[in-house]
């Protein structure tokens, strides 16, 4: 990619981030009365539900803190981060230490789930907020939560939230790739911030978790249990020992999720200087694009069955915003690490599809959900699942790659 093209793309992404995406959320999602963030916004940004996603209290806090750390502190970003931080720590934790999934506007609990995702988003948010503000209590809280969920990951019996398992493991023991995947990214971010704060040296460190060993453990599980080179796919669900399951869930591939995992692994490979891991991550990216790209209408399909059998998810052929943002960054990162033209060609294809269809040129921000043919399915700009995370993260990370 020549210098002029890099500069052009950098300025384009910067404009999308700072003149469209972030202003939309700052103008419409901040709750100045109770704190935290609304994410259920219609096309124009009007709130259609005041219930709050705990995922997005963490994700939003991470975004505003990361903007401060990457682009320089701005009062409006720091204030947005403060609103998220105070709401998160005051209202999003249950008495057992686990976190809720959904709360009311004023912080009363509505839903709590068995999964660890609320906690992982809180960890990266609190760590990033510490880096932006110097609030040591935020970093201490992040590390405390991380140690708790690592204990649960190591032994589910350690989970203080005693809820009936979703599936009877005695009948069919399964595990999801999403768990080691999100923990790997959580570990990467917390290691990056906590290591700066750490005053110990080498193996004598007694103030932190062992990020290096954890990264190797998580990477090993993803590669050995979920990656199936003979199938050319990264599977979402496998048996407890990594065996393939001949069920709809066991055959299901989520190309966007696999693409996101590929860049998590690429970043870890860069950190470890592991060329073997880098190649495996690139293979995942290649295979996920080949499987997920809709050759008739373009765009990345939401789900696929590895054997071409019927898919349970009714939205399988829809085009969602986040697989495309993940692909933009993954492809630029792959190009940076390989200088291979095929990644630039793929990047151009994904970039053109994405910016031709998802951005709302009238009211700002992006549509999240398209039909298979690329027409808009839902006009909402935010929900319990869509908010200020995938789009601004990809725009910021792409800017940083293009600037290097």
Foldseek 3Di string as FASTA:
>chain_A
DDLVVLVVLLVVLVCQQPVFAVVLQLVAFADPPQFATQFFAFLQRHHPFLKAFLLCLLQLLLLLLVCCVQPNDDPSSLVNNVSSVVLNVPAFADPQGAGAGIAGNNRHGDGRDPDCSSLLSQLLSLLSNCVNPVPVVSNVSSQVSLVQVVVCVVPVVSDPPDDDDPDDVVVFAKDFLVVLLSNLLSLVSSCVRVVVVFPDDDPVGDPHDPSVVSNVVSLCCQCVQQDDVVLLEGAGMDGPRNHQDPDLNSQKGFLLVLLLSLVSQCVVCVVVVPVVSNVVSVSSNVSSCVQQADPPQGAGFGMAGSVRDDHPDPRRLKHFLQSLLSLLLSLLSNCVVPVDVVSVVVNVRSVVLNVVAFADPPNGDGQTIGGNNRHGDGSTQGDSPHDPHRSSVSSSSSSVSSVD
